[in-house]
């Protein structure tokens, strides 16, 4: 189920994430194989993304990840501002990439996929519109719609 290979290195202030196969859709058990009533918010976000640009950006950011991400974790705790392409941080990115590559080599990390990949260009292998999600129970509130409405002043 969890076939998207990610490696990362972190310092007190920075986190570098290497998405080893950015041509694949990021998926895991929480968006593809939920238990009834669990994670109902995800289905709501996916539906909302069909008509709401902000929700679409959030859903797309989840599935489509750049090869490298760099976050200043002390100032960006939600990791929303990717600084990996910022020339100001090129030396830091280079140093962290080398550190991560060294650690991977030490570990004998072959980056081998453990299951069938889910390419971005084949949404039938990963997009929620192609999967029947378990029915949510009646007592699960609509958290996502309520939260988004509050943020938009509704």
C-alpha atoms as a PDB file:
ATOM      1  CA  UNK A   1       0.000   0.000   0.000  1.00  0.00           C
ATOM      2  CA  UNK A   2       2.713   2.516   0.978  1.00  0.00           C
ATOM      3  CA  UNK A   3       4.910   2.488  -2.122  1.00  0.00           C
ATOM      4  CA  UNK A   4       6.013   6.121  -2.361  1.00  0.00           C
ATOM      5  CA  UNK A   5       9.713   6.240  -1.427  1.00  0.00           C
ATOM      6  CA  UNK A   6      10.766   9.194   0.724  1.00  0.00           C
ATOM      7  CA  UNK A   7      13.985   9.829   2.602  1.00  0.00           C
ATOM      8  CA  UNK A   8      14.786  12.831   4.757  1.00  0.00           C
ATOM      9  CA  UNK A   9      17.430  14.428   6.915  1.00  0.00           C
ATOM     10  CA  UNK A  10      16.830  16.969   9.622  1.00  0.00           C
ATOM     11  CA  UNK A  11      18.794  19.394  11.713  1.00  0.00           C
ATOM     12  CA  UNK A  12      17.472  21.470  14.578  1.00  0.00           C
ATOM     13  CA  UNK A  13      16.397  24.172  12.116  1.00  0.00           C
ATOM     14  CA  UNK A  14      16.030  22.469   8.706  1.00  0.00           C
ATOM     15  CA  UNK A  15      14.434  19.440   7.093  1.00  0.00           C
ATOM     16  CA  UNK A  16      15.331  18.205   3.615  1.00  0.00           C
ATOM     17  CA  UNK A  17      12.962  15.677   2.063  1.00  0.00           C
ATOM     18  CA  UNK A  18      13.988  13.660  -0.978  1.00  0.00           C
ATOM     19  CA  UNK A  19      11.000  12.262  -2.845  1.00  0.00           C
ATOM     20  CA  UNK A  20      12.856   9.570  -4.753  1.00  0.00           C
ATOM     21  CA  UNK A  21      10.179   9.057  -7.405  1.00  0.00           C
ATOM     22  CA  UNK A  22       8.365  12.383  -7.953  1.00  0.00           C
ATOM     23  CA  UNK A  23       6.702  10.955 -11.077  1.00  0.00           C
ATOM     24  CA  UNK A  24       4.613   8.762  -8.771  1.00  0.00           C
ATOM     25  CA  UNK A  25       1.535   9.806  -6.840  1.00  0.00           C
ATOM     26  CA  UNK A  26       2.072  10.027  -3.100  1.00  0.00           C
ATOM     27  CA  UNK A  27      -0.385   7.637  -1.476  1.00  0.00           C
ATOM     28  CA  UNK A  28      -0.599   5.625   1.690  1.00  0.00           C
ATOM     29  CA  UNK A  29      -3.080   3.626   3.712  1.00  0.00           C
ATOM     30  CA  UNK A  30      -4.772   6.746   5.070  1.00  0.00           C
ATOM     31  CA  UNK A  31      -6.044   7.866   1.664  1.00  0.00           C
ATOM     32  CA  UNK A  32      -6.485   4.501  -0.083  1.00  0.00           C
ATOM     33  CA  UNK A  33      -7.508   2.050   2.610  1.00  0.00           C
ATOM     34  CA  UNK A  34      -9.446   3.742   5.382  1.00  0.00           C
ATOM     35  CA  UNK A  35     -11.574   2.018   7.953  1.00  0.00           C
ATOM     36  CA  UNK A  36     -15.284   2.942   7.990  1.00  0.00           C
ATOM     37  CA  UNK A  37     -15.731   6.340   9.617  1.00  0.00           C
ATOM     38  CA  UNK A  38     -11.999   7.059   9.749  1.00  0.00           C
ATOM     39  CA  UNK A  39     -10.539   9.879   7.728  1.00  0.00           C
ATOM     40  CA  UNK A  40     -13.887  10.952   6.315  1.00  0.00           C
ATOM     41  CA  UNK A  41     -12.387  14.410   5.913  1.00  0.00           C
ATOM     42  CA  UNK A  42     -10.194  13.187   3.028  1.00  0.00           C
ATOM     43  CA  UNK A  43     -13.154  12.288   0.845  1.00  0.00           C
ATOM     44  CA  UNK A  44     -14.627  15.680   1.629  1.00  0.00           C
ATOM     45  CA  UNK A  45     -11.437  17.461   0.590  1.00  0.00           C
ATOM     46  CA  UNK A  46     -11.299  15.516  -2.670  1.00  0.00           C
ATOM     47  CA  UNK A  47     -14.923  16.407  -3.448  1.00  0.00           C
ATOM     48  CA  UNK A  48     -14.378  20.035  -2.500  1.00  0.00           C
ATOM     49  CA  UNK A  49     -11.278  20.170  -4.729  1.00  0.00           C
ATOM     50  CA  UNK A  50     -13.538  19.715  -7.752  1.00  0.00           C
ATOM     51  CA  UNK A  51     -15.063  23.163  -7.198  1.00  0.00           C
ATOM     52  CA  UNK A  52     -12.767  25.027  -4.786  1.00  0.00           C
ATOM     53  CA  UNK A  53      -9.324  26.217  -5.967  1.00  0.00           C
ATOM     54  CA  UNK A  54      -7.822  26.288  -2.459  1.00  0.00           C
ATOM     55  CA  UNK A  55      -8.913  22.737  -1.712  1.00  0.00           C
ATOM     56  CA  UNK A  56      -7.585  21.630  -5.122  1.00  0.00           C
ATOM     57  CA  UNK A  57      -4.156  23.106  -4.312  1.00  0.00           C
ATOM     58  CA  UNK A  58      -4.111  21.229  -0.992  1.00  0.00           C
ATOM     59  CA  UNK A  59      -5.137  17.902  -2.532  1.00  0.00           C
ATOM     60  CA  UNK A  60      -2.708  18.313  -5.446  1.00  0.00           C
ATOM     61  CA  UNK A  61       0.124  19.177  -3.040  1.00  0.00           C
ATOM     62  CA  UNK A  62      -0.560  15.942  -1.185  1.00  0.00           C
ATOM     63  CA  UNK A  63      -0.400  13.728  -4.292  1.00  0.00           C
ATOM     64  CA  UNK A  64       2.202  15.632  -6.363  1.00  0.00           C
ATOM     65  CA  UNK A  65       5.514  16.162  -4.624  1.00  0.00           C
ATOM     66  CA  UNK A  66       8.682  17.755  -5.989  1.00  0.00           C
ATOM     67  CA  UNK A  67      11.910  15.769  -5.923  1.00  0.00           C
ATOM     68  CA  UNK A  68      13.323  17.884  -3.084  1.00  0.00           C
ATOM     69  CA  UNK A  69      11.656  19.860  -0.321  1.00  0.00           C
ATOM     70  CA  UNK A  70      13.434  22.076   2.192  1.00  0.00           C
ATOM     71  CA  UNK A  71      11.687  23.563   5.207  1.00  0.00           C
ATOM     72  CA  UNK A  72      12.869  25.826   8.001  1.00  0.00           C
ATOM     73  CA  UNK A  73      11.021  23.835  10.639  1.00  0.00           C
ATOM     74  CA  UNK A  74      11.378  26.364  13.438  1.00  0.00           C
ATOM     75  CA  UNK A  75       9.551  29.028  11.447  1.00  0.00           C
ATOM     76  CA  UNK A  76       7.386  26.812   9.208  1.00  0.00           C
ATOM     77  CA  UNK A  77       6.029  24.073  11.459  1.00  0.00           C
ATOM     78  CA  UNK A  78       3.383  23.028   8.894  1.00  0.00           C
ATOM     79  CA  UNK A  79       6.025  22.770   6.149  1.00  0.00           C
ATOM     80  CA  UNK A  80       4.165  24.976   3.703  1.00  0.00           C
ATOM     81  CA  UNK A  81       7.027  27.021   2.248  1.00  0.00           C
ATOM     82  CA  UNK A  82       9.368  24.822   0.233  1.00  0.00           C
ATOM     83  CA  UNK A  83      12.745  26.563  -0.006  1.00  0.00           C
ATOM     84  CA  UNK A  84      14.606  23.842  -1.935  1.00  0.00           C
ATOM     85  CA  UNK A  85      14.776  25.862  -5.161  1.00  0.00           C
ATOM     86  CA  UNK A  86      15.686  29.135  -3.447  1.00  0.00           C
ATOM     87  CA  UNK A  87      19.238  30.081  -4.579  1.00  0.00           C
ATOM     88  CA  UNK A  88      19.885  31.564  -1.143  1.00  0.00           C
ATOM     89  CA  UNK A  89      19.789  28.029   0.313  1.00  0.00           C
ATOM     90  CA  UNK A  90      21.702  26.194  -2.457  1.00  0.00           C
ATOM     91  CA  UNK A  91      24.769  25.455  -0.285  1.00  0.00           C
ATOM     92  CA  UNK A  92      22.586  24.136   2.548  1.00  0.00           C
ATOM     93  CA  UNK A  93      20.591  21.937   0.164  1.00  0.00           C
ATOM     94  CA  UNK A  94      23.819  20.586  -1.324  1.00  0.00           C
ATOM     95  CA  UNK A  95      25.244  19.791   2.135  1.00  0.00           C
ATOM     96  CA  UNK A  96      22.035  18.086   3.317  1.00  0.00           C
ATOM     97  CA  UNK A  97      21.757  16.079   0.071  1.00  0.00           C
ATOM     98  CA  UNK A  98      25.319  14.814   0.586  1.00  0.00           C
ATOM     99  CA  UNK A  99      24.577  13.931   4.211  1.00  0.00           C
ATOM    100  CA  UNK A 100      21.434  12.053   3.231  1.00  0.00           C
ATOM    101  CA  UNK A 101      23.178  10.215   0.378  1.00  0.00           C
ATOM    102  CA  UNK A 102      25.934   9.150   2.771  1.00  0.00           C
ATOM    103  CA  UNK A 103      23.442   7.854   5.309  1.00  0.00           C
ATOM    104  CA  UNK A 104      21.550   5.947   2.607  1.00  0.00           C
ATOM    105  CA  UNK A 105      24.786   4.346   1.415  1.00  0.00           C
ATOM    106  CA  UNK A 106      25.721   3.368   4.991  1.00  0.00           C
ATOM    107  CA  UNK A 107      22.313   1.733   5.406  1.00  0.00           C
ATOM    108  CA  UNK A 108      22.526  -0.158   2.112  1.00  0.00           C
ATOM    109  CA  UNK A 109      19.392   1.677   0.972  1.00  0.00           C
ATOM    110  CA  UNK A 110      18.658   0.485  -2.566  1.00  0.00           C
ATOM    111  CA  UNK A 111      15.518   2.664  -2.894  1.00  0.00           C
ATOM    112  CA  UNK A 112      13.715  -0.428  -4.190  1.00  0.00           C
ATOM    113  CA  UNK A 113       9.933  -0.161  -4.421  1.00  0.00           C
ATOM    114  CA  UNK A 114       8.099  -2.799  -2.396  1.00  0.00           C
ATOM    115  CA  UNK A 115       4.861  -2.764  -4.379  1.00  0.00           C
ATOM    116  CA  UNK A 116       3.425  -1.626  -7.700  1.00  0.00           C
ATOM    117  CA  UNK A 117       4.038   2.097  -8.237  1.00  0.00           C
ATOM    118  CA  UNK A 118       1.171   4.522  -8.842  1.00  0.00           C
ATOM    119  CA  UNK A 119       2.256   6.895 -11.651  1.00  0.00           C
ATOM    120  CA  UNK A 120       0.770  10.385 -11.645  1.00  0.00           C
ATOM    121  CA  UNK A 121      -0.224   9.919 -15.274  1.00  0.00           C
ATOM    122  CA  UNK A 122      -2.387   6.897 -14.372  1.00  0.00           C
ATOM    123  CA  UNK A 123      -4.920   8.305 -11.866  1.00  0.00           C
ATOM    124  CA  UNK A 124      -6.941   5.095 -11.972  1.00  0.00           C
ATOM    125  CA  UNK A 125      -4.167   3.585  -9.817  1.00  0.00           C
ATOM    126  CA  UNK A 126      -4.330   6.231  -7.085  1.00  0.00           C
ATOM    127  CA  UNK A 127      -7.012   8.918  -7.380  1.00  0.00           C
ATOM    128  CA  UNK A 128      -9.923   8.642  -4.909  1.00  0.00           C
ATOM    129  CA  UNK A 129     -12.494   8.980  -7.697  1.00  0.00           C
ATOM    130  CA  UNK A 130     -11.507   5.463  -8.762  1.00  0.00           C
ATOM    131  CA  UNK A 131     -11.809   3.851  -5.326  1.00  0.00           C
ATOM    132  CA  UNK A 132     -14.952   3.012  -3.387  1.00  0.00           C
ATOM    133  CA  UNK A 133     -14.382   4.421   0.060  1.00  0.00           C
ATOM    134  CA  UNK A 134     -15.940   2.837   3.152  1.00  0.00           C
ATOM    135  CA  UNK A 135     -19.124   4.561   4.199  1.00  0.00           C
ATOM    136  CA  UNK A 136     -18.701   6.989   7.055  1.00  0.00           C
ATOM    137  CA  UNK A 137     -20.794   6.409  10.107  1.00  0.00           C
ATOM    138  CA  UNK A 138     -23.655   8.792  10.823  1.00  0.00           C
ATOM    139  CA  UNK A 139     -21.979  10.110  13.972  1.00  0.00           C
ATOM    140  CA  UNK A 140     -18.861  11.373  12.154  1.00  0.00           C
ATOM    141  CA  UNK A 141     -19.155  15.154  11.748  1.00  0.00           C
ATOM    142  CA  UNK A 142     -18.233  16.982   8.580  1.00  0.00           C
ATOM    143  CA  UNK A 143     -15.032  18.518   9.966  1.00  0.00           C
ATOM    144  CA  UNK A 144     -13.479  19.614   6.719  1.00  0.00           C
ATOM    145  CA  UNK A 145     -16.412  21.584   5.343  1.00  0.00           C
ATOM    146  CA  UNK A 146     -16.884  23.269   8.715  1.00  0.00           C
ATOM    147  CA  UNK A 147     -13.182  24.170   9.050  1.00  0.00           C
ATOM    148  CA  UNK A 148     -12.926  25.503   5.509  1.00  0.00           C
ATOM    149  CA  UNK A 149     -16.100  27.524   5.951  1.00  0.00           C
ATOM    150  CA  UNK A 150     -14.688  29.110   9.120  1.00  0.00           C
ATOM    151  CA  UNK A 151     -11.409  29.988   7.386  1.00  0.00           C
ATOM    152  CA  UNK A 152     -13.311  31.649   4.553  1.00  0.00           C
ATOM    153  CA  UNK A 153     -15.402  33.659   7.004  1.00  0.00           C
ATOM    154  CA  UNK A 154     -18.539  31.500   6.631  1.00  0.00           C
END
